[in-house]
Amino acid sequence: MSTVSFHLDSRLTAPELMRVLTDFGPARADAWPTIDAAHFQVHTRGADWAEVTEGTASAWERSRYEWDEAAGRVEITTHESKVFGVGGGWVFQLTPQAEGTRVDVRLDRPGEKLAQKLAARLLPFVAPASLAKSFRAPLQAK
């Protein structure tokens, strides 16, 4: 399994960021550059969890989001993925700061098939800068 970790400093408060990360309304595809409307579907959801498919034609996945507002934590587990294997996923940890919030992001990617394993092994080298860039606008990073 490959792991990528990075952090962003956001202008938003932790509760505002929690709403950005867990808003599964129709505007989600507009807010996130890595999601298009054709590949966004909410399958089911509860008070502190949701199962969704999101992404693009080239890279989509079905995942389960679980969040704890008091802990400032969102965990996303991959159930199905066009690019990577099942399992792994994302963790967003929100830490309030004097001005805004620090967002620590961890991405874990397993690989089952050879191509998935190769893609996962490349992530630590190519992903941190591009992922941070793709999150900058939705998370209002400084």
N, C-alpha and C. Protein backbone atom coordinates (compact mmCIF):
# COMPACT_ATOMS: atom_id res chain seq x y z
N MET A 1 0.86 -1.18 0.00
CA MET A 1 0.00 0.00 0.00
C MET A 1 0.90 1.23 0.00
N SER A 2 0.53 2.21 -0.81
CA SER A 2 1.24 3.48 -0.84
C SER A 2 0.45 4.52 -0.06
N THR A 3 1.18 5.41 0.60
CA THR A 3 0.56 6.47 1.39
C THR A 3 1.12 7.81 0.96
N VAL A 4 0.22 8.76 0.81
CA VAL A 4 0.58 10.14 0.50
C VAL A 4 0.00 11.00 1.61
N SER A 5 0.81 11.87 2.18
CA SER A 5 0.34 12.78 3.22
C SER A 5 0.77 14.20 2.89
N PHE A 6 -0.11 15.15 3.17
CA PHE A 6 0.21 16.56 3.02
C PHE A 6 -0.78 17.35 3.85
N HIS A 7 -0.54 18.65 3.99
CA HIS A 7 -1.50 19.48 4.70
C HIS A 7 -1.72 20.79 3.95
N LEU A 8 -2.87 21.39 4.23
CA LEU A 8 -3.24 22.69 3.71
C LEU A 8 -3.70 23.55 4.88
N ASP A 9 -3.52 24.84 4.76
CA ASP A 9 -4.06 25.78 5.74
C ASP A 9 -5.24 26.49 5.08
N SER A 10 -6.42 26.34 5.68
CA SER A 10 -7.64 26.89 5.11
C SER A 10 -8.08 28.15 5.83
N ARG A 11 -8.74 29.02 5.11
CA ARG A 11 -9.33 30.22 5.70
C ARG A 11 -10.62 29.88 6.45
N LEU A 12 -11.20 28.72 6.15
CA LEU A 12 -12.47 28.31 6.73
C LEU A 12 -12.30 27.76 8.15
N THR A 13 -13.38 27.83 8.92
CA THR A 13 -13.37 27.20 10.24
C THR A 13 -13.54 25.69 10.07
N ALA A 14 -13.27 24.94 11.11
CA ALA A 14 -13.42 23.48 11.04
C ALA A 14 -14.88 23.09 10.72
N PRO A 15 -15.90 23.71 11.34
CA PRO A 15 -17.28 23.35 10.96
C PRO A 15 -17.59 23.68 9.50
N GLU A 16 -17.07 24.79 8.99
CA GLU A 16 -17.29 25.13 7.58
C GLU A 16 -16.63 24.09 6.67
N LEU A 17 -15.43 23.67 7.01
CA LEU A 17 -14.73 22.65 6.22
C LEU A 17 -15.46 21.32 6.28
N MET A 18 -15.98 20.99 7.43
CA MET A 18 -16.75 19.74 7.56
C MET A 18 -17.93 19.75 6.60
N ARG A 19 -18.59 20.90 6.48
CA ARG A 19 -19.72 21.01 5.55
C ARG A 19 -19.25 20.86 4.10
N VAL A 20 -18.11 21.45 3.75
CA VAL A 20 -17.58 21.32 2.39
C VAL A 20 -17.29 19.85 2.07
N LEU A 21 -16.66 19.16 3.01
CA LEU A 21 -16.28 17.77 2.78
C LEU A 21 -17.46 16.81 2.76
N THR A 22 -18.55 17.16 3.46
CA THR A 22 -19.66 16.22 3.60
C THR A 22 -20.95 16.71 2.97
N ASP A 23 -20.89 17.72 2.13
CA ASP A 23 -22.08 18.19 1.41
C ASP A 23 -22.22 17.37 0.14
N PHE A 24 -23.22 16.52 0.09
CA PHE A 24 -23.43 15.65 -1.06
C PHE A 24 -24.63 16.10 -1.89
N GLY A 25 -24.89 17.39 -1.86
CA GLY A 25 -25.96 17.96 -2.67
C GLY A 25 -25.55 18.09 -4.13
N PRO A 26 -26.45 18.57 -4.96
CA PRO A 26 -26.19 18.65 -6.40
C PRO A 26 -25.05 19.60 -6.77
N ALA A 27 -24.68 20.53 -5.91
CA ALA A 27 -23.60 21.48 -6.22
C ALA A 27 -22.21 20.88 -5.98
N ARG A 28 -22.14 19.64 -5.48
CA ARG A 28 -20.83 19.03 -5.18
C ARG A 28 -19.94 18.99 -6.42
N ALA A 29 -20.49 18.63 -7.55
CA ALA A 29 -19.69 18.54 -8.78
C ALA A 29 -19.18 19.91 -9.20
N ASP A 30 -19.89 20.97 -8.87
CA ASP A 30 -19.42 22.33 -9.18
C ASP A 30 -18.29 22.76 -8.25
N ALA A 31 -18.35 22.32 -6.99
CA ALA A 31 -17.37 22.74 -5.99
C ALA A 31 -16.04 22.01 -6.11
N TRP A 32 -16.07 20.76 -6.58
CA TRP A 32 -14.86 19.93 -6.61
C TRP A 32 -14.42 19.71 -8.06
N PRO A 33 -13.22 20.12 -8.44
CA PRO A 33 -12.77 19.98 -9.83
C PRO A 33 -12.55 18.53 -10.27
N THR A 34 -12.46 17.61 -9.32
CA THR A 34 -12.23 16.20 -9.67
C THR A 34 -13.52 15.38 -9.72
N ILE A 35 -14.66 16.08 -9.70
CA ILE A 35 -15.95 15.39 -9.77
C ILE A 35 -16.77 16.02 -10.89
N ASP A 36 -17.30 15.18 -11.78
CA ASP A 36 -18.23 15.71 -12.77
C ASP A 36 -19.62 15.14 -12.48
N ALA A 37 -20.63 15.88 -12.89
CA ALA A 37 -22.01 15.52 -12.58
C ALA A 37 -22.39 14.14 -13.10
N ALA A 38 -21.84 13.73 -14.23
CA ALA A 38 -22.17 12.43 -14.82
C ALA A 38 -21.64 11.27 -13.99
N HIS A 39 -20.65 11.53 -13.14
CA HIS A 39 -20.04 10.48 -12.32
C HIS A 39 -20.21 10.76 -10.83
N PHE A 40 -21.33 11.37 -10.48
CA PHE A 40 -21.64 11.65 -9.08
C PHE A 40 -23.01 11.08 -8.76
N GLN A 41 -23.03 10.21 -7.76
CA GLN A 41 -24.29 9.60 -7.34
C GLN A 41 -24.22 9.30 -5.85
N VAL A 42 -25.23 9.74 -5.11
CA VAL A 42 -25.36 9.38 -3.70
C VAL A 42 -26.20 8.13 -3.65
N HIS A 43 -25.63 7.05 -3.13
CA HIS A 43 -26.35 5.78 -3.06
C HIS A 43 -27.24 5.71 -1.82
N THR A 44 -26.67 6.09 -0.69
CA THR A 44 -27.41 6.08 0.57
C THR A 44 -26.65 6.95 1.56
N ARG A 45 -27.37 7.45 2.57
CA ARG A 45 -26.66 8.26 3.56
C ARG A 45 -27.40 8.27 4.88
N GLY A 46 -26.62 8.56 5.92
CA GLY A 46 -27.15 8.67 7.26
C GLY A 46 -26.70 10.00 7.86
N ALA A 47 -26.86 10.14 9.17
CA ALA A 47 -26.54 11.40 9.83
C ALA A 47 -25.05 11.73 9.77
N ASP A 48 -24.20 10.71 9.84
CA ASP A 48 -22.75 10.96 9.85
C ASP A 48 -22.00 10.02 8.89
N TRP A 49 -22.67 9.64 7.82
CA TRP A 49 -22.03 8.79 6.81
C TRP A 49 -22.78 8.92 5.48
N ALA A 50 -22.09 8.53 4.41
CA ALA A 50 -22.71 8.51 3.08
C ALA A 50 -21.94 7.54 2.20
N GLU A 51 -22.65 6.86 1.31
CA GLU A 51 -22.01 6.04 0.29
C GLU A 51 -22.28 6.69 -1.04
N VAL A 52 -21.20 7.03 -1.75
CA VAL A 52 -21.31 7.79 -2.99
C VAL A 52 -20.36 7.25 -4.05
N THR A 53 -20.70 7.49 -5.29
CA THR A 53 -19.78 7.30 -6.40
C THR A 53 -19.48 8.69 -6.91
N GLU A 54 -18.19 8.99 -7.09
CA GLU A 54 -17.81 10.30 -7.60
C GLU A 54 -16.49 10.22 -8.33
N GLY A 55 -16.26 11.17 -9.21
CA GLY A 55 -15.03 11.23 -9.98
C GLY A 55 -15.32 11.70 -11.38
N THR A 56 -14.56 11.14 -12.32
CA THR A 56 -14.69 11.47 -13.73
C THR A 56 -14.70 10.17 -14.53
N ALA A 57 -14.86 10.27 -15.83
CA ALA A 57 -14.86 9.07 -16.68
C ALA A 57 -13.53 8.33 -16.56
N SER A 58 -12.44 9.05 -16.39
CA SER A 58 -11.13 8.40 -16.33
C SER A 58 -10.76 7.90 -14.93
N ALA A 59 -11.35 8.45 -13.89
CA ALA A 59 -10.99 8.05 -12.53
C ALA A 59 -12.15 8.29 -11.58
N TRP A 60 -12.97 7.27 -11.36
CA TRP A 60 -14.09 7.36 -10.42
C TRP A 60 -13.92 6.29 -9.36
N GLU A 61 -14.63 6.49 -8.25
CA GLU A 61 -14.67 5.44 -7.23
C GLU A 61 -15.94 5.54 -6.42
N ARG A 62 -16.35 4.39 -5.90
CA ARG A 62 -17.47 4.32 -4.97
C ARG A 62 -16.86 4.19 -3.58
N SER A 63 -17.30 5.07 -2.68
CA SER A 63 -16.69 5.13 -1.36
C SER A 63 -17.74 5.33 -0.28
N ARG A 64 -17.31 5.02 0.93
CA ARG A 64 -18.13 5.28 2.11
C ARG A 64 -17.44 6.37 2.92
N TYR A 65 -18.13 7.47 3.11
CA TYR A 65 -17.66 8.56 3.95
C TYR A 65 -18.21 8.36 5.35
N GLU A 66 -17.38 8.56 6.34
CA GLU A 66 -17.83 8.58 7.74
C GLU A 66 -17.17 9.78 8.39
N TRP A 67 -17.93 10.53 9.18
CA TRP A 67 -17.35 11.72 9.79
C TRP A 67 -17.78 11.89 11.22
N ASP A 68 -16.91 12.57 11.96
CA ASP A 68 -17.12 12.88 13.37
C ASP A 68 -16.83 14.37 13.52
N GLU A 69 -17.88 15.16 13.61
CA GLU A 69 -17.70 16.61 13.68
C GLU A 69 -16.93 17.03 14.92
N ALA A 70 -17.20 16.41 16.06
CA ALA A 70 -16.52 16.79 17.29
C ALA A 70 -15.01 16.53 17.19
N ALA A 71 -14.63 15.46 16.54
CA ALA A 71 -13.20 15.13 16.38
C ALA A 71 -12.59 15.84 15.17
N GLY A 72 -13.42 16.45 14.32
CA GLY A 72 -12.92 17.12 13.12
C GLY A 72 -12.27 16.15 12.15
N ARG A 73 -12.91 15.02 11.95
CA ARG A 73 -12.31 13.96 11.14
C ARG A 73 -13.31 13.40 10.12
N VAL A 74 -12.83 13.23 8.89
CA VAL A 74 -13.60 12.60 7.83
C VAL A 74 -12.76 11.45 7.29
N GLU A 75 -13.34 10.25 7.29
CA GLU A 75 -12.65 9.07 6.75
C GLU A 75 -13.44 8.54 5.57
N ILE A 76 -12.74 8.23 4.50
CA ILE A 76 -13.36 7.76 3.27
C ILE A 76 -12.73 6.43 2.91
N THR A 77 -13.54 5.39 2.80
CA THR A 77 -13.06 4.06 2.46
C THR A 77 -13.52 3.70 1.06
N THR A 78 -12.58 3.29 0.22
CA THR A 78 -12.88 2.95 -1.17
C THR A 78 -13.46 1.55 -1.25
N HIS A 79 -14.66 1.44 -1.86
CA HIS A 79 -15.30 0.14 -2.06
C HIS A 79 -15.12 -0.37 -3.49
N GLU A 80 -14.98 0.55 -4.43
CA GLU A 80 -14.79 0.19 -5.83
C GLU A 80 -14.08 1.35 -6.50
N SER A 81 -13.14 1.05 -7.39
CA SER A 81 -12.38 2.10 -8.04
C SER A 81 -11.99 1.70 -9.45
N LYS A 82 -12.08 2.64 -10.37
CA LYS A 82 -11.67 2.36 -11.74
C LYS A 82 -10.15 2.25 -11.85
N VAL A 83 -9.42 2.99 -11.01
CA VAL A 83 -7.96 3.05 -11.13
C VAL A 83 -7.25 2.19 -10.09
N PHE A 84 -7.70 2.24 -8.84
CA PHE A 84 -7.01 1.56 -7.74
C PHE A 84 -7.82 0.40 -7.21
N GLY A 85 -7.21 -0.38 -6.37
CA GLY A 85 -7.89 -1.52 -5.77
C GLY A 85 -8.87 -1.11 -4.69
N VAL A 86 -9.63 -2.06 -4.24
CA VAL A 86 -10.59 -1.87 -3.16
C VAL A 86 -9.81 -1.69 -1.86
N GLY A 87 -10.36 -0.89 -0.97
CA GLY A 87 -9.69 -0.63 0.30
C GLY A 87 -8.91 0.66 0.22
N GLY A 88 -8.26 0.98 1.29
CA GLY A 88 -7.57 2.26 1.33
C GLY A 88 -8.58 3.38 1.31
N GLY A 89 -8.10 4.57 1.07
CA GLY A 89 -8.99 5.73 1.00
C GLY A 89 -8.31 6.95 1.56
N TRP A 90 -9.12 7.86 2.06
CA TRP A 90 -8.68 9.18 2.50
C TRP A 90 -9.00 9.39 3.97
N VAL A 91 -8.19 10.22 4.62
CA VAL A 91 -8.50 10.73 5.95
C VAL A 91 -8.22 12.23 5.93
N PHE A 92 -9.20 13.01 6.36
CA PHE A 92 -9.06 14.45 6.51
C PHE A 92 -9.17 14.76 7.99
N GLN A 93 -8.12 15.33 8.57
CA GLN A 93 -8.14 15.72 9.98
C GLN A 93 -8.11 17.24 10.04
N LEU A 94 -9.10 17.82 10.69
CA LEU A 94 -9.24 19.27 10.78
C LEU A 94 -8.81 19.75 12.15
N THR A 95 -7.86 20.68 12.18
CA THR A 95 -7.36 21.22 13.44
C THR A 95 -7.54 22.74 13.43
N PRO A 96 -8.41 23.27 14.30
CA PRO A 96 -8.61 24.72 14.34
C PRO A 96 -7.30 25.45 14.66
N GLN A 97 -7.11 26.58 14.00
CA GLN A 97 -5.95 27.44 14.21
C GLN A 97 -6.46 28.82 14.64
N ALA A 98 -5.55 29.71 14.97
CA ALA A 98 -5.95 31.07 15.36
C ALA A 98 -6.78 31.72 14.25
N GLU A 99 -6.36 31.50 13.00
CA GLU A 99 -7.11 32.00 11.85
C GLU A 99 -7.29 30.85 10.88
N GLY A 100 -8.48 30.29 10.84
CA GLY A 100 -8.76 29.19 9.92
C GLY A 100 -8.48 27.82 10.53
N THR A 101 -8.15 26.88 9.65
CA THR A 101 -8.01 25.49 10.06
C THR A 101 -6.89 24.82 9.29
N ARG A 102 -6.12 24.01 9.99
CA ARG A 102 -5.13 23.16 9.31
C ARG A 102 -5.85 21.88 8.89
N VAL A 103 -5.65 21.47 7.65
CA VAL A 103 -6.26 20.26 7.12
C VAL A 103 -5.13 19.28 6.79
N ASP A 104 -5.03 18.22 7.58
CA ASP A 104 -4.06 17.17 7.30
C ASP A 104 -4.77 16.10 6.47
N VAL A 105 -4.17 15.74 5.35
CA VAL A 105 -4.77 14.80 4.41
C VAL A 105 -3.86 13.59 4.27
N ARG A 106 -4.44 12.42 4.35
CA ARG A 106 -3.70 11.17 4.10
C ARG A 106 -4.47 10.34 3.08
N LEU A 107 -3.77 9.85 2.10
CA LEU A 107 -4.34 8.99 1.08
C LEU A 107 -3.60 7.67 1.12
N ASP A 108 -4.33 6.58 1.30
CA ASP A 108 -3.76 5.23 1.26
C ASP A 108 -4.32 4.52 0.05
N ARG A 109 -3.45 3.95 -0.76
CA ARG A 109 -3.88 3.25 -1.97
C ARG A 109 -3.23 1.88 -2.07
N PRO A 110 -4.05 0.84 -2.00
CA PRO A 110 -3.53 -0.50 -2.26
C PRO A 110 -3.56 -0.76 -3.76
N GLY A 111 -2.98 -1.84 -4.17
CA GLY A 111 -3.09 -2.25 -5.56
C GLY A 111 -3.25 -3.75 -5.60
N GLU A 112 -4.23 -4.23 -6.33
CA GLU A 112 -4.45 -5.67 -6.44
C GLU A 112 -3.80 -6.21 -7.72
N LYS A 113 -4.05 -5.53 -8.82
CA LYS A 113 -3.52 -5.95 -10.11
C LYS A 113 -2.21 -5.20 -10.35
N LEU A 114 -1.42 -5.67 -11.29
CA LEU A 114 -0.12 -5.07 -11.55
C LEU A 114 -0.22 -3.58 -11.87
N ALA A 115 -1.12 -3.18 -12.75
CA ALA A 115 -1.25 -1.77 -13.10
C ALA A 115 -1.65 -0.93 -11.90
N GLN A 116 -2.51 -1.48 -11.03
CA GLN A 116 -2.92 -0.76 -9.82
C GLN A 116 -1.74 -0.61 -8.86
N LYS A 117 -0.96 -1.65 -8.73
CA LYS A 117 0.21 -1.59 -7.85
C LYS A 117 1.21 -0.56 -8.34
N LEU A 118 1.44 -0.52 -9.65
CA LEU A 118 2.37 0.46 -10.21
C LEU A 118 1.85 1.88 -10.00
N ALA A 119 0.57 2.10 -10.24
CA ALA A 119 -0.02 3.43 -10.04
C ALA A 119 0.10 3.84 -8.57
N ALA A 120 -0.16 2.91 -7.66
CA ALA A 120 -0.07 3.21 -6.23
C ALA A 120 1.36 3.56 -5.83
N ARG A 121 2.32 2.86 -6.38
CA ARG A 121 3.73 3.13 -6.03
C ARG A 121 4.21 4.47 -6.55
N LEU A 122 3.61 4.96 -7.63
CA LEU A 122 3.99 6.27 -8.18
C LEU A 122 3.39 7.44 -7.40
N LEU A 123 2.31 7.20 -6.69
CA LEU A 123 1.60 8.28 -6.00
C LEU A 123 2.48 9.15 -5.10
N PRO A 124 3.32 8.59 -4.25
CA PRO A 124 4.12 9.46 -3.37
C PRO A 124 5.00 10.44 -4.13
N PHE A 125 5.33 10.13 -5.37
CA PHE A 125 6.21 10.98 -6.15
C PHE A 125 5.45 12.03 -6.96
N VAL A 126 4.27 11.69 -7.44
CA VAL A 126 3.56 12.58 -8.35
C VAL A 126 2.30 13.21 -7.75
N ALA A 127 1.75 12.64 -6.70
CA ALA A 127 0.44 13.08 -6.22
C ALA A 127 0.42 14.26 -5.26
N PRO A 128 1.36 14.41 -4.32
CA PRO A 128 1.16 15.46 -3.30
C PRO A 128 0.88 16.85 -3.87
N ALA A 129 1.67 17.31 -4.80
CA ALA A 129 1.47 18.67 -5.34
C ALA A 129 0.16 18.77 -6.11
N SER A 130 -0.18 17.78 -6.94
CA SER A 130 -1.40 17.87 -7.73
C SER A 130 -2.65 17.73 -6.85
N LEU A 131 -2.58 16.88 -5.82
CA LEU A 131 -3.73 16.75 -4.93
C LEU A 131 -3.94 18.03 -4.13
N ALA A 132 -2.85 18.58 -3.60
CA ALA A 132 -2.97 19.83 -2.85
C ALA A 132 -3.57 20.92 -3.73
N LYS A 133 -3.15 20.98 -4.98
CA LYS A 133 -3.68 21.98 -5.92
C LYS A 133 -5.17 21.75 -6.16
N SER A 134 -5.60 20.51 -6.33
CA SER A 134 -7.02 20.23 -6.61
C SER A 134 -7.91 20.51 -5.39
N PHE A 135 -7.35 20.46 -4.19
CA PHE A 135 -8.13 20.72 -2.97
C PHE A 135 -8.12 22.20 -2.59
N ARG A 136 -7.17 22.96 -3.13
CA ARG A 136 -6.98 24.35 -2.72
C ARG A 136 -8.27 25.18 -2.84
N ALA A 137 -8.94 25.14 -3.97
CA ALA A 137 -10.15 25.96 -4.15
C ALA A 137 -11.32 25.48 -3.26
N PRO A 138 -11.70 24.18 -3.31
CA PRO A 138 -12.85 23.79 -2.49
C PRO A 138 -12.63 24.00 -0.99
N LEU A 139 -11.38 23.82 -0.54
CA LEU A 139 -11.09 23.97 0.89
C LEU A 139 -10.64 25.38 1.26
N GLN A 140 -10.65 26.28 0.28
CA GLN A 140 -10.23 27.67 0.47
C GLN A 140 -8.90 27.76 1.20
N ALA A 141 -7.91 27.07 0.65
CA ALA A 141 -6.58 27.06 1.25
C ALA A 141 -5.87 28.37 0.97
N LYS A 142 -5.01 28.74 1.88
CA LYS A 142 -4.21 29.97 1.75
C LYS A 142 -3.07 29.76 0.79
